[in-house]
N, C-alpha and C. Protein backbone atom coordinates (compact mmCIF):
# COMPACT_ATOMS: atom_id res chain seq x y z
N MET A 1 66.36 80.00 -7.36
CA MET A 1 65.60 81.22 -7.65
C MET A 1 66.49 82.20 -8.40
N THR A 2 65.95 82.75 -9.43
CA THR A 2 66.71 83.76 -10.17
C THR A 2 66.13 85.14 -9.89
N THR A 3 67.02 86.09 -9.77
CA THR A 3 66.58 87.46 -9.51
C THR A 3 66.77 88.34 -10.74
N ALA A 4 67.13 87.75 -11.86
CA ALA A 4 67.50 88.51 -13.06
C ALA A 4 66.35 89.36 -13.60
N ASP A 5 65.10 88.89 -13.48
CA ASP A 5 63.98 89.62 -14.07
C ASP A 5 63.29 90.56 -13.08
N LEU A 6 63.79 90.67 -11.86
CA LEU A 6 63.18 91.53 -10.85
C LEU A 6 63.80 92.92 -10.89
N SER A 7 63.08 93.91 -10.34
CA SER A 7 63.68 95.23 -10.16
C SER A 7 64.83 95.10 -9.17
N PRO A 8 65.76 96.05 -9.15
CA PRO A 8 66.87 95.94 -8.20
C PRO A 8 66.40 95.80 -6.75
N ALA A 9 65.41 96.57 -6.35
CA ALA A 9 64.92 96.49 -4.97
C ALA A 9 64.29 95.13 -4.68
N ALA A 10 63.51 94.61 -5.62
CA ALA A 10 62.88 93.30 -5.43
C ALA A 10 63.92 92.19 -5.45
N ALA A 11 64.91 92.32 -6.31
CA ALA A 11 65.98 91.32 -6.38
C ALA A 11 66.76 91.29 -5.07
N LYS A 12 67.03 92.48 -4.51
CA LYS A 12 67.73 92.54 -3.23
C LYS A 12 66.90 91.89 -2.13
N ALA A 13 65.62 92.16 -2.10
CA ALA A 13 64.74 91.58 -1.09
C ALA A 13 64.74 90.05 -1.18
N ALA A 14 64.66 89.52 -2.41
CA ALA A 14 64.67 88.07 -2.60
C ALA A 14 66.01 87.48 -2.16
N PHE A 15 67.09 88.15 -2.51
CA PHE A 15 68.43 87.70 -2.15
C PHE A 15 68.59 87.69 -0.63
N ARG A 16 68.11 88.75 0.03
CA ARG A 16 68.17 88.82 1.49
C ARG A 16 67.44 87.64 2.11
N GLY A 17 66.28 87.31 1.57
CA GLY A 17 65.51 86.18 2.10
C GLY A 17 66.27 84.88 2.04
N GLN A 18 66.96 84.66 0.94
CA GLN A 18 67.76 83.43 0.78
C GLN A 18 68.88 83.38 1.81
N ILE A 19 69.58 84.50 1.97
CA ILE A 19 70.72 84.52 2.89
C ILE A 19 70.25 84.39 4.34
N ARG A 20 69.17 85.06 4.68
CA ARG A 20 68.65 84.96 6.05
C ARG A 20 68.24 83.53 6.38
N ALA A 21 67.66 82.83 5.41
CA ALA A 21 67.27 81.43 5.64
C ALA A 21 68.50 80.56 5.89
N THR A 22 69.55 80.79 5.11
CA THR A 22 70.79 80.04 5.30
C THR A 22 71.41 80.35 6.65
N ARG A 23 71.41 81.62 7.03
CA ARG A 23 71.97 82.00 8.33
C ARG A 23 71.17 81.37 9.48
N ALA A 24 69.87 81.34 9.35
CA ALA A 24 69.03 80.78 10.41
C ALA A 24 69.31 79.29 10.63
N ALA A 25 69.78 78.62 9.59
CA ALA A 25 70.04 77.18 9.68
C ALA A 25 71.41 76.87 10.30
N ARG A 26 72.26 77.86 10.48
CA ARG A 26 73.59 77.61 11.05
C ARG A 26 73.46 77.23 12.53
N THR A 27 74.37 76.40 12.97
CA THR A 27 74.36 76.00 14.38
C THR A 27 75.11 77.02 15.22
N ASP A 28 74.87 77.00 16.52
CA ASP A 28 75.60 77.88 17.44
C ASP A 28 77.10 77.59 17.37
N ALA A 29 77.45 76.32 17.21
CA ALA A 29 78.87 75.95 17.11
C ALA A 29 79.50 76.56 15.86
N ASP A 30 78.77 76.55 14.74
CA ASP A 30 79.27 77.17 13.51
C ASP A 30 79.49 78.66 13.71
N ARG A 31 78.53 79.31 14.37
CA ARG A 31 78.64 80.75 14.59
C ARG A 31 79.81 81.08 15.51
N ALA A 32 79.98 80.30 16.56
CA ALA A 32 81.07 80.54 17.50
C ALA A 32 82.43 80.35 16.82
N HIS A 33 82.55 79.30 16.01
CA HIS A 33 83.80 79.07 15.27
C HIS A 33 84.08 80.24 14.33
N ALA A 34 83.05 80.67 13.60
CA ALA A 34 83.21 81.77 12.65
C ALA A 34 83.65 83.05 13.36
N ALA A 35 83.06 83.33 14.51
CA ALA A 35 83.40 84.56 15.24
C ALA A 35 84.87 84.58 15.64
N GLY A 36 85.37 83.46 16.12
CA GLY A 36 86.77 83.39 16.51
C GLY A 36 87.72 83.54 15.34
N GLU A 37 87.40 82.89 14.24
CA GLU A 37 88.25 82.97 13.05
C GLU A 37 88.24 84.38 12.44
N ILE A 38 87.06 84.98 12.42
CA ILE A 38 86.96 86.34 11.87
C ILE A 38 87.75 87.32 12.73
N ALA A 39 87.63 87.21 14.04
CA ALA A 39 88.38 88.11 14.93
C ALA A 39 89.88 88.01 14.68
N ALA A 40 90.37 86.80 14.51
CA ALA A 40 91.80 86.61 14.25
C ALA A 40 92.22 87.23 12.92
N ARG A 41 91.34 87.24 11.94
CA ARG A 41 91.66 87.81 10.62
C ARG A 41 91.50 89.34 10.60
N VAL A 42 90.56 89.85 11.39
CA VAL A 42 90.31 91.30 11.41
C VAL A 42 91.43 92.04 12.14
N LEU A 43 91.90 91.48 13.23
CA LEU A 43 92.83 92.21 14.09
C LEU A 43 94.06 92.72 13.36
N PRO A 44 94.74 91.94 12.52
CA PRO A 44 95.91 92.50 11.82
C PRO A 44 95.57 93.70 10.93
N LEU A 45 94.36 93.73 10.40
CA LEU A 45 93.95 94.86 9.55
C LEU A 45 93.73 96.13 10.35
N LEU A 46 93.45 95.97 11.65
CA LEU A 46 93.10 97.11 12.50
C LEU A 46 94.14 97.42 13.56
N ALA A 47 95.24 96.70 13.55
CA ALA A 47 96.25 96.81 14.62
C ALA A 47 96.80 98.21 14.79
N ASP A 48 96.88 98.99 13.72
CA ASP A 48 97.43 100.34 13.81
C ASP A 48 96.35 101.40 14.02
N SER A 49 95.13 100.97 14.24
CA SER A 49 94.02 101.91 14.42
C SER A 49 94.01 102.49 15.84
N SER A 50 93.47 103.69 15.95
CA SER A 50 93.23 104.30 17.25
C SER A 50 91.76 104.22 17.62
N VAL A 51 90.89 104.41 16.60
CA VAL A 51 89.45 104.39 16.82
C VAL A 51 88.79 103.57 15.71
N VAL A 52 87.92 102.64 16.11
CA VAL A 52 87.22 101.79 15.16
C VAL A 52 85.73 101.85 15.46
N ALA A 53 84.94 102.09 14.43
CA ALA A 53 83.48 101.99 14.54
C ALA A 53 83.12 100.55 14.21
N CYS A 54 82.37 99.91 15.10
CA CYS A 54 81.99 98.53 14.90
C CYS A 54 80.49 98.41 15.17
N TYR A 55 79.97 97.23 15.30
CA TYR A 55 78.56 97.02 15.61
C TYR A 55 78.43 95.80 16.49
N LEU A 56 77.34 95.71 17.22
CA LEU A 56 77.05 94.53 18.03
C LEU A 56 76.25 93.59 17.15
N SER A 57 76.80 92.44 16.89
CA SER A 57 76.16 91.50 15.97
C SER A 57 74.87 90.93 16.56
N MET A 58 73.94 90.64 15.66
CA MET A 58 72.74 89.91 16.03
C MET A 58 73.09 88.42 16.02
N SER A 59 72.22 87.61 16.58
CA SER A 59 72.55 86.19 16.78
C SER A 59 72.83 85.44 15.48
N SER A 60 72.23 85.85 14.37
CA SER A 60 72.44 85.13 13.11
C SER A 60 73.67 85.62 12.34
N GLU A 61 74.23 86.76 12.74
CA GLU A 61 75.36 87.34 12.03
C GLU A 61 76.69 86.77 12.53
N PRO A 62 77.74 86.91 11.74
CA PRO A 62 79.06 86.58 12.27
C PRO A 62 79.31 87.44 13.51
N GLY A 63 79.70 86.83 14.61
CA GLY A 63 79.82 87.53 15.88
C GLY A 63 80.91 88.58 15.90
N THR A 64 80.64 89.69 16.60
CA THR A 64 81.62 90.77 16.70
C THR A 64 82.17 90.95 18.11
N VAL A 65 81.63 90.23 19.09
CA VAL A 65 82.10 90.42 20.47
C VAL A 65 83.59 90.14 20.59
N ALA A 66 84.07 89.10 19.95
CA ALA A 66 85.50 88.77 20.02
C ALA A 66 86.33 89.86 19.36
N VAL A 67 85.86 90.41 18.25
CA VAL A 67 86.57 91.52 17.59
C VAL A 67 86.66 92.71 18.53
N ILE A 68 85.53 93.09 19.10
CA ILE A 68 85.47 94.24 20.00
C ILE A 68 86.38 94.03 21.20
N ASP A 69 86.34 92.85 21.79
CA ASP A 69 87.19 92.56 22.96
C ASP A 69 88.67 92.67 22.61
N LEU A 70 89.07 92.12 21.47
CA LEU A 70 90.48 92.19 21.07
C LEU A 70 90.92 93.63 20.81
N LEU A 71 90.06 94.40 20.18
CA LEU A 71 90.40 95.81 19.93
C LEU A 71 90.60 96.56 21.25
N ARG A 72 89.68 96.38 22.17
CA ARG A 72 89.77 97.10 23.45
C ARG A 72 90.96 96.64 24.28
N GLN A 73 91.30 95.36 24.20
CA GLN A 73 92.48 94.85 24.91
C GLN A 73 93.75 95.53 24.42
N ARG A 74 93.74 95.99 23.18
CA ARG A 74 94.91 96.65 22.60
C ARG A 74 94.82 98.18 22.71
N GLY A 75 93.85 98.65 23.48
CA GLY A 75 93.74 100.09 23.71
C GLY A 75 93.11 100.86 22.57
N ILE A 76 92.47 100.16 21.65
CA ILE A 76 91.80 100.82 20.52
C ILE A 76 90.39 101.20 20.95
N ARG A 77 90.03 102.46 20.77
CA ARG A 77 88.69 102.93 21.12
C ARG A 77 87.68 102.33 20.13
N VAL A 78 86.53 101.92 20.66
CA VAL A 78 85.48 101.31 19.84
C VAL A 78 84.21 102.14 19.96
N LEU A 79 83.64 102.49 18.81
CA LEU A 79 82.36 103.20 18.76
C LEU A 79 81.29 102.22 18.30
N LEU A 80 80.12 102.28 18.95
CA LEU A 80 79.01 101.41 18.60
C LEU A 80 77.81 102.25 18.16
N PRO A 81 77.02 101.74 17.21
CA PRO A 81 75.89 102.52 16.69
C PRO A 81 74.61 102.32 17.48
N ARG A 82 73.75 103.33 17.32
CA ARG A 82 72.40 103.24 17.84
C ARG A 82 71.50 103.94 16.82
N VAL A 83 70.35 103.35 16.55
CA VAL A 83 69.41 103.92 15.57
C VAL A 83 68.64 105.06 16.21
N THR A 84 68.65 106.20 15.52
CA THR A 84 67.86 107.35 15.94
C THR A 84 67.09 107.82 14.71
N GLY A 85 65.80 107.52 14.67
CA GLY A 85 65.01 107.85 13.48
C GLY A 85 65.48 107.02 12.30
N THR A 86 65.98 107.71 11.27
CA THR A 86 66.48 107.02 10.08
C THR A 86 68.01 107.03 10.01
N ASP A 87 68.64 107.48 11.09
CA ASP A 87 70.10 107.63 11.09
C ASP A 87 70.74 106.80 12.20
N LEU A 88 72.05 106.75 12.17
CA LEU A 88 72.82 106.10 13.22
C LEU A 88 73.53 107.16 14.04
N ASP A 89 73.44 107.04 15.37
CA ASP A 89 74.27 107.80 16.30
C ASP A 89 75.35 106.85 16.77
N TRP A 90 76.44 107.39 17.27
CA TRP A 90 77.55 106.55 17.71
C TRP A 90 77.92 106.90 19.14
N VAL A 91 78.17 105.86 19.93
CA VAL A 91 78.52 105.98 21.35
C VAL A 91 79.83 105.25 21.58
N GLU A 92 80.75 105.87 22.32
CA GLU A 92 82.00 105.18 22.62
C GLU A 92 81.77 104.11 23.68
N LEU A 93 82.28 102.93 23.43
CA LEU A 93 82.16 101.82 24.36
C LEU A 93 83.18 101.99 25.48
N THR A 94 82.70 101.93 26.72
CA THR A 94 83.58 101.96 27.90
C THR A 94 83.15 100.82 28.82
N ASP A 95 83.88 100.63 29.89
CA ASP A 95 83.50 99.61 30.86
C ASP A 95 82.17 99.92 31.52
N ALA A 96 81.78 101.19 31.52
CA ALA A 96 80.54 101.60 32.17
C ALA A 96 79.34 101.66 31.21
N THR A 97 79.55 101.37 29.94
CA THR A 97 78.47 101.47 28.97
C THR A 97 77.34 100.50 29.31
N GLU A 98 76.12 101.01 29.28
CA GLU A 98 74.94 100.18 29.46
C GLU A 98 74.26 100.00 28.11
N PHE A 99 73.39 99.00 28.03
CA PHE A 99 72.76 98.67 26.77
C PHE A 99 71.26 98.53 26.94
N SER A 100 70.55 98.75 25.84
CA SER A 100 69.11 98.54 25.81
C SER A 100 68.75 97.86 24.50
N MET A 101 67.54 97.32 24.43
CA MET A 101 67.06 96.68 23.21
C MET A 101 66.22 97.69 22.44
N SER A 102 66.54 97.88 21.17
CA SER A 102 65.80 98.84 20.36
C SER A 102 64.49 98.23 19.88
N SER A 103 63.65 99.07 19.30
CA SER A 103 62.39 98.59 18.74
C SER A 103 62.63 97.67 17.54
N LEU A 104 63.84 97.71 16.97
CA LEU A 104 64.21 96.83 15.86
C LEU A 104 64.78 95.51 16.35
N GLY A 105 64.84 95.33 17.67
CA GLY A 105 65.39 94.10 18.22
C GLY A 105 66.91 94.05 18.22
N ILE A 106 67.55 95.22 18.23
CA ILE A 106 69.00 95.33 18.19
C ILE A 106 69.49 95.83 19.53
N THR A 107 70.53 95.21 20.07
CA THR A 107 71.15 95.69 21.29
C THR A 107 71.95 96.94 20.97
N GLU A 108 71.66 98.03 21.70
CA GLU A 108 72.30 99.32 21.42
C GLU A 108 72.87 99.93 22.69
N PRO A 109 73.94 100.71 22.54
CA PRO A 109 74.53 101.37 23.71
C PRO A 109 73.67 102.55 24.17
N VAL A 110 73.65 102.75 25.47
CA VAL A 110 73.01 103.92 26.06
C VAL A 110 74.11 104.90 26.42
N GLY A 111 73.89 106.17 26.21
CA GLY A 111 74.91 107.15 26.56
C GLY A 111 74.90 108.30 25.58
N GLU A 112 75.82 109.21 25.82
CA GLU A 112 75.91 110.41 24.99
C GLU A 112 76.46 110.07 23.61
N SER A 113 75.77 110.54 22.58
CA SER A 113 76.26 110.29 21.23
C SER A 113 77.37 111.27 20.88
N LEU A 114 78.26 110.82 20.03
CA LEU A 114 79.39 111.65 19.59
C LEU A 114 78.95 112.52 18.44
N SER A 115 79.28 113.80 18.50
CA SER A 115 78.81 114.71 17.46
C SER A 115 79.51 114.50 16.13
N ASP A 116 80.78 114.14 16.14
CA ASP A 116 81.53 113.91 14.90
C ASP A 116 82.18 112.54 14.98
N ALA A 117 81.35 111.53 15.04
CA ALA A 117 81.86 110.17 15.29
C ALA A 117 82.90 109.74 14.28
N PHE A 118 82.70 110.04 13.02
CA PHE A 118 83.61 109.55 11.99
C PHE A 118 84.78 110.49 11.73
N GLY A 119 84.86 111.58 12.47
CA GLY A 119 85.95 112.53 12.26
C GLY A 119 87.33 111.96 12.51
N ASN A 120 87.43 111.04 13.47
CA ASN A 120 88.73 110.47 13.83
C ASN A 120 88.78 108.95 13.69
N VAL A 121 87.81 108.38 13.02
CA VAL A 121 87.74 106.93 12.90
C VAL A 121 88.73 106.44 11.84
N ASP A 122 89.46 105.40 12.20
CA ASP A 122 90.42 104.80 11.26
C ASP A 122 89.78 103.71 10.41
N ALA A 123 88.75 103.06 10.97
CA ALA A 123 88.12 101.93 10.28
C ALA A 123 86.66 101.83 10.70
N ILE A 124 85.85 101.31 9.79
CA ILE A 124 84.44 101.04 10.07
C ILE A 124 84.20 99.57 9.73
N VAL A 125 83.77 98.81 10.73
CA VAL A 125 83.43 97.41 10.54
C VAL A 125 81.92 97.36 10.34
N LEU A 126 81.50 96.89 9.17
CA LEU A 126 80.11 96.95 8.75
C LEU A 126 79.44 95.58 8.74
N PRO A 127 78.18 95.55 9.15
CA PRO A 127 77.43 94.30 8.97
C PRO A 127 77.07 94.16 7.49
N ALA A 128 76.90 92.94 7.05
CA ALA A 128 76.51 92.69 5.66
C ALA A 128 75.84 91.32 5.60
N LEU A 129 74.95 91.19 4.64
CA LEU A 129 74.38 89.88 4.34
C LEU A 129 75.19 89.19 3.25
N ALA A 130 75.76 89.99 2.38
CA ALA A 130 76.57 89.45 1.28
C ALA A 130 77.47 90.56 0.75
N VAL A 131 78.54 90.14 0.07
CA VAL A 131 79.45 91.07 -0.58
C VAL A 131 79.82 90.46 -1.93
N SER A 132 79.87 91.32 -2.94
CA SER A 132 80.28 90.83 -4.26
C SER A 132 81.80 90.84 -4.36
N ARG A 133 82.33 90.17 -5.35
CA ARG A 133 83.78 90.13 -5.55
C ARG A 133 84.34 91.47 -6.02
N SER A 134 83.46 92.43 -6.28
CA SER A 134 83.92 93.78 -6.60
C SER A 134 83.77 94.73 -5.42
N GLY A 135 83.28 94.21 -4.27
CA GLY A 135 83.19 95.04 -3.07
C GLY A 135 81.84 95.65 -2.78
N THR A 136 80.82 95.32 -3.56
CA THR A 136 79.47 95.84 -3.28
C THR A 136 78.90 95.09 -2.09
N ARG A 137 78.35 95.85 -1.14
CA ARG A 137 77.80 95.29 0.09
C ARG A 137 76.28 95.26 0.04
N LEU A 138 75.70 94.14 0.46
CA LEU A 138 74.26 94.03 0.63
C LEU A 138 73.98 94.03 2.12
N GLY A 139 73.28 95.08 2.58
CA GLY A 139 72.95 95.20 3.99
C GLY A 139 71.59 94.59 4.30
N GLN A 140 71.10 94.89 5.49
CA GLN A 140 69.83 94.32 5.95
C GLN A 140 68.62 94.97 5.30
N GLY A 141 68.78 96.14 4.69
CA GLY A 141 67.67 96.75 3.97
C GLY A 141 67.15 98.04 4.55
N GLY A 142 67.65 98.44 5.72
CA GLY A 142 67.19 99.69 6.33
C GLY A 142 67.90 100.92 5.78
N GLY A 143 69.05 100.74 5.16
CA GLY A 143 69.80 101.86 4.59
C GLY A 143 70.56 102.70 5.60
N PHE A 144 70.61 102.28 6.86
CA PHE A 144 71.26 103.09 7.90
C PHE A 144 72.74 103.31 7.60
N TYR A 145 73.44 102.25 7.24
CA TYR A 145 74.88 102.39 6.97
C TYR A 145 75.13 103.11 5.65
N ASP A 146 74.31 102.86 4.64
CA ASP A 146 74.48 103.57 3.37
C ASP A 146 74.36 105.07 3.59
N ARG A 147 73.37 105.49 4.39
CA ARG A 147 73.21 106.92 4.67
C ARG A 147 74.38 107.46 5.48
N ALA A 148 74.84 106.69 6.46
CA ALA A 148 75.95 107.14 7.30
C ALA A 148 77.23 107.30 6.49
N LEU A 149 77.43 106.44 5.50
CA LEU A 149 78.67 106.47 4.73
C LEU A 149 78.67 107.48 3.60
N GLU A 150 77.51 108.01 3.24
CA GLU A 150 77.43 108.97 2.13
C GLU A 150 78.33 110.18 2.32
N ALA A 151 78.44 110.65 3.56
CA ALA A 151 79.19 111.88 3.81
C ALA A 151 80.65 111.63 4.18
N ILE A 152 81.08 110.39 4.09
CA ILE A 152 82.44 110.04 4.49
C ILE A 152 83.27 109.74 3.25
N ALA A 153 84.46 110.27 3.24
CA ALA A 153 85.35 110.01 2.10
C ALA A 153 85.68 108.52 2.00
N ALA A 154 85.83 108.07 0.79
CA ALA A 154 86.26 106.69 0.56
C ALA A 154 87.67 106.51 1.10
N HIS A 155 88.04 105.28 1.37
CA HIS A 155 89.38 105.00 1.91
C HIS A 155 90.47 105.49 0.94
N ALA A 156 90.26 105.31 -0.34
CA ALA A 156 91.24 105.75 -1.35
C ALA A 156 91.40 107.27 -1.36
N GLU A 157 90.42 107.98 -0.78
CA GLU A 157 90.47 109.45 -0.72
C GLU A 157 90.80 109.94 0.69
N GLY A 158 91.33 109.07 1.53
CA GLY A 158 91.74 109.47 2.87
C GLY A 158 90.76 109.13 3.98
N GLY A 159 89.63 108.54 3.64
CA GLY A 159 88.65 108.16 4.65
C GLY A 159 89.01 106.85 5.32
N PRO A 160 88.20 106.44 6.29
CA PRO A 160 88.48 105.19 7.00
C PRO A 160 88.28 103.97 6.11
N ILE A 161 89.02 102.93 6.41
CA ILE A 161 88.84 101.68 5.67
C ILE A 161 87.49 101.08 6.09
N ARG A 162 86.81 100.48 5.13
CA ARG A 162 85.49 99.89 5.36
C ARG A 162 85.61 98.38 5.21
N LEU A 163 85.29 97.68 6.29
CA LEU A 163 85.41 96.22 6.31
C LEU A 163 84.05 95.59 6.57
N ALA A 164 83.69 94.59 5.80
CA ALA A 164 82.44 93.86 6.02
C ALA A 164 82.77 92.47 6.53
N LEU A 165 81.90 91.95 7.41
CA LEU A 165 82.06 90.61 7.96
C LEU A 165 80.93 89.73 7.46
N VAL A 166 81.27 88.61 6.84
CA VAL A 166 80.26 87.66 6.36
C VAL A 166 80.78 86.24 6.54
N PHE A 167 79.89 85.28 6.36
CA PHE A 167 80.29 83.88 6.33
C PHE A 167 80.89 83.58 4.95
N ASP A 168 81.63 82.49 4.85
CA ASP A 168 82.35 82.18 3.61
C ASP A 168 81.46 82.06 2.39
N ASP A 169 80.25 81.52 2.55
CA ASP A 169 79.37 81.32 1.40
C ASP A 169 78.53 82.55 1.07
N GLU A 170 78.89 83.71 1.64
CA GLU A 170 78.15 84.94 1.38
C GLU A 170 78.94 85.93 0.52
N ILE A 171 79.96 85.43 -0.16
CA ILE A 171 80.68 86.21 -1.16
C ILE A 171 80.26 85.67 -2.52
N PHE A 172 79.79 86.58 -3.39
CA PHE A 172 79.24 86.19 -4.68
C PHE A 172 79.94 86.95 -5.80
N ASP A 173 79.91 86.36 -6.99
CA ASP A 173 80.47 87.07 -8.14
C ASP A 173 79.76 88.41 -8.35
N ALA A 174 78.46 88.40 -8.18
CA ALA A 174 77.67 89.64 -8.31
C ALA A 174 76.47 89.52 -7.39
N ILE A 175 75.99 90.66 -6.91
CA ILE A 175 74.78 90.70 -6.08
C ILE A 175 73.88 91.81 -6.59
N PRO A 176 72.57 91.70 -6.36
CA PRO A 176 71.69 92.80 -6.76
C PRO A 176 72.08 94.07 -6.00
N HIS A 177 72.11 95.18 -6.70
CA HIS A 177 72.48 96.43 -6.03
C HIS A 177 71.87 97.62 -6.73
N GLU A 178 71.90 98.74 -6.01
CA GLU A 178 71.42 100.02 -6.54
C GLU A 178 72.54 101.03 -6.35
N ALA A 179 72.38 102.19 -6.96
CA ALA A 179 73.44 103.19 -6.96
C ALA A 179 73.83 103.65 -5.56
N HIS A 180 72.88 103.66 -4.62
CA HIS A 180 73.18 104.17 -3.28
C HIS A 180 73.86 103.13 -2.38
N ASP A 181 73.97 101.90 -2.81
CA ASP A 181 74.57 100.86 -1.98
C ASP A 181 76.07 101.12 -1.80
N SER A 182 76.50 101.06 -0.54
CA SER A 182 77.90 101.36 -0.25
C SER A 182 78.80 100.19 -0.62
N ARG A 183 80.04 100.55 -0.92
CA ARG A 183 81.05 99.54 -1.23
C ARG A 183 81.98 99.42 -0.03
N VAL A 184 82.65 98.29 0.05
CA VAL A 184 83.62 98.09 1.13
C VAL A 184 85.01 97.91 0.52
N ASP A 185 86.01 98.10 1.37
CA ASP A 185 87.40 97.96 0.92
C ASP A 185 87.91 96.55 1.10
N ALA A 186 87.28 95.82 2.01
CA ALA A 186 87.67 94.43 2.23
C ALA A 186 86.51 93.68 2.87
N VAL A 187 86.48 92.39 2.67
CA VAL A 187 85.50 91.52 3.32
C VAL A 187 86.28 90.43 4.04
N ILE A 188 85.83 90.16 5.28
CA ILE A 188 86.49 89.17 6.10
C ILE A 188 85.52 88.04 6.39
N THR A 189 85.95 86.81 6.16
CA THR A 189 85.17 85.61 6.46
C THR A 189 86.00 84.75 7.41
N PRO A 190 85.45 83.67 7.91
CA PRO A 190 86.27 82.79 8.75
C PRO A 190 87.48 82.21 8.05
N GLU A 191 87.46 82.15 6.72
CA GLU A 191 88.54 81.51 5.97
C GLU A 191 89.46 82.46 5.20
N ARG A 192 89.03 83.69 4.98
CA ARG A 192 89.84 84.54 4.10
C ARG A 192 89.56 86.03 4.29
N VAL A 193 90.44 86.82 3.70
CA VAL A 193 90.28 88.27 3.60
C VAL A 193 90.40 88.61 2.13
N LEU A 194 89.41 89.28 1.59
CA LEU A 194 89.48 89.77 0.20
C LEU A 194 89.48 91.29 0.23
N SER A 195 90.45 91.88 -0.43
CA SER A 195 90.54 93.33 -0.53
C SER A 195 90.17 93.77 -1.92
N PHE A 196 89.57 94.94 -2.03
CA PHE A 196 89.10 95.45 -3.32
C PHE A 196 89.78 96.74 -3.69
């Protein structure tokens, strides 16, 4: 399927469909292997961090539980998102954190949201369906992360480093994108780390 003749939004939707179908076909063993390899590659990038914003992966995504566990074992504070309207709120993960299922089918933390979540964050680990070789990220389509990142300085300007997690076959020379799509500083797969 070619997306060359579609509008950017339609091309992104078609591209998302292709990637979701490929992800749905992965086995649990493939996902478990990927999660372990990604965690091992992410940790050196975040070892000097004090606070990391991460996300709870859905079953088809590269798993983040191992990443979160390794960060917390090293005393790094982890913030997790929750959808509130069209925005993301952030809750610090503790041993007492409880979770609920959102109307979007996403596991989210229950608790008090942080008023300035990104004020002290060293890194943001972002979900992605695909990343281009120039660092453009294709998200799930809700725009939650793009909106959250609009007000945050880029890493080159003193902001937190932005890392995306994908499977190895989800890095492309180019992906459909629009001006509001956020870029990442690095993408981590089970086999490699690419920095931009």
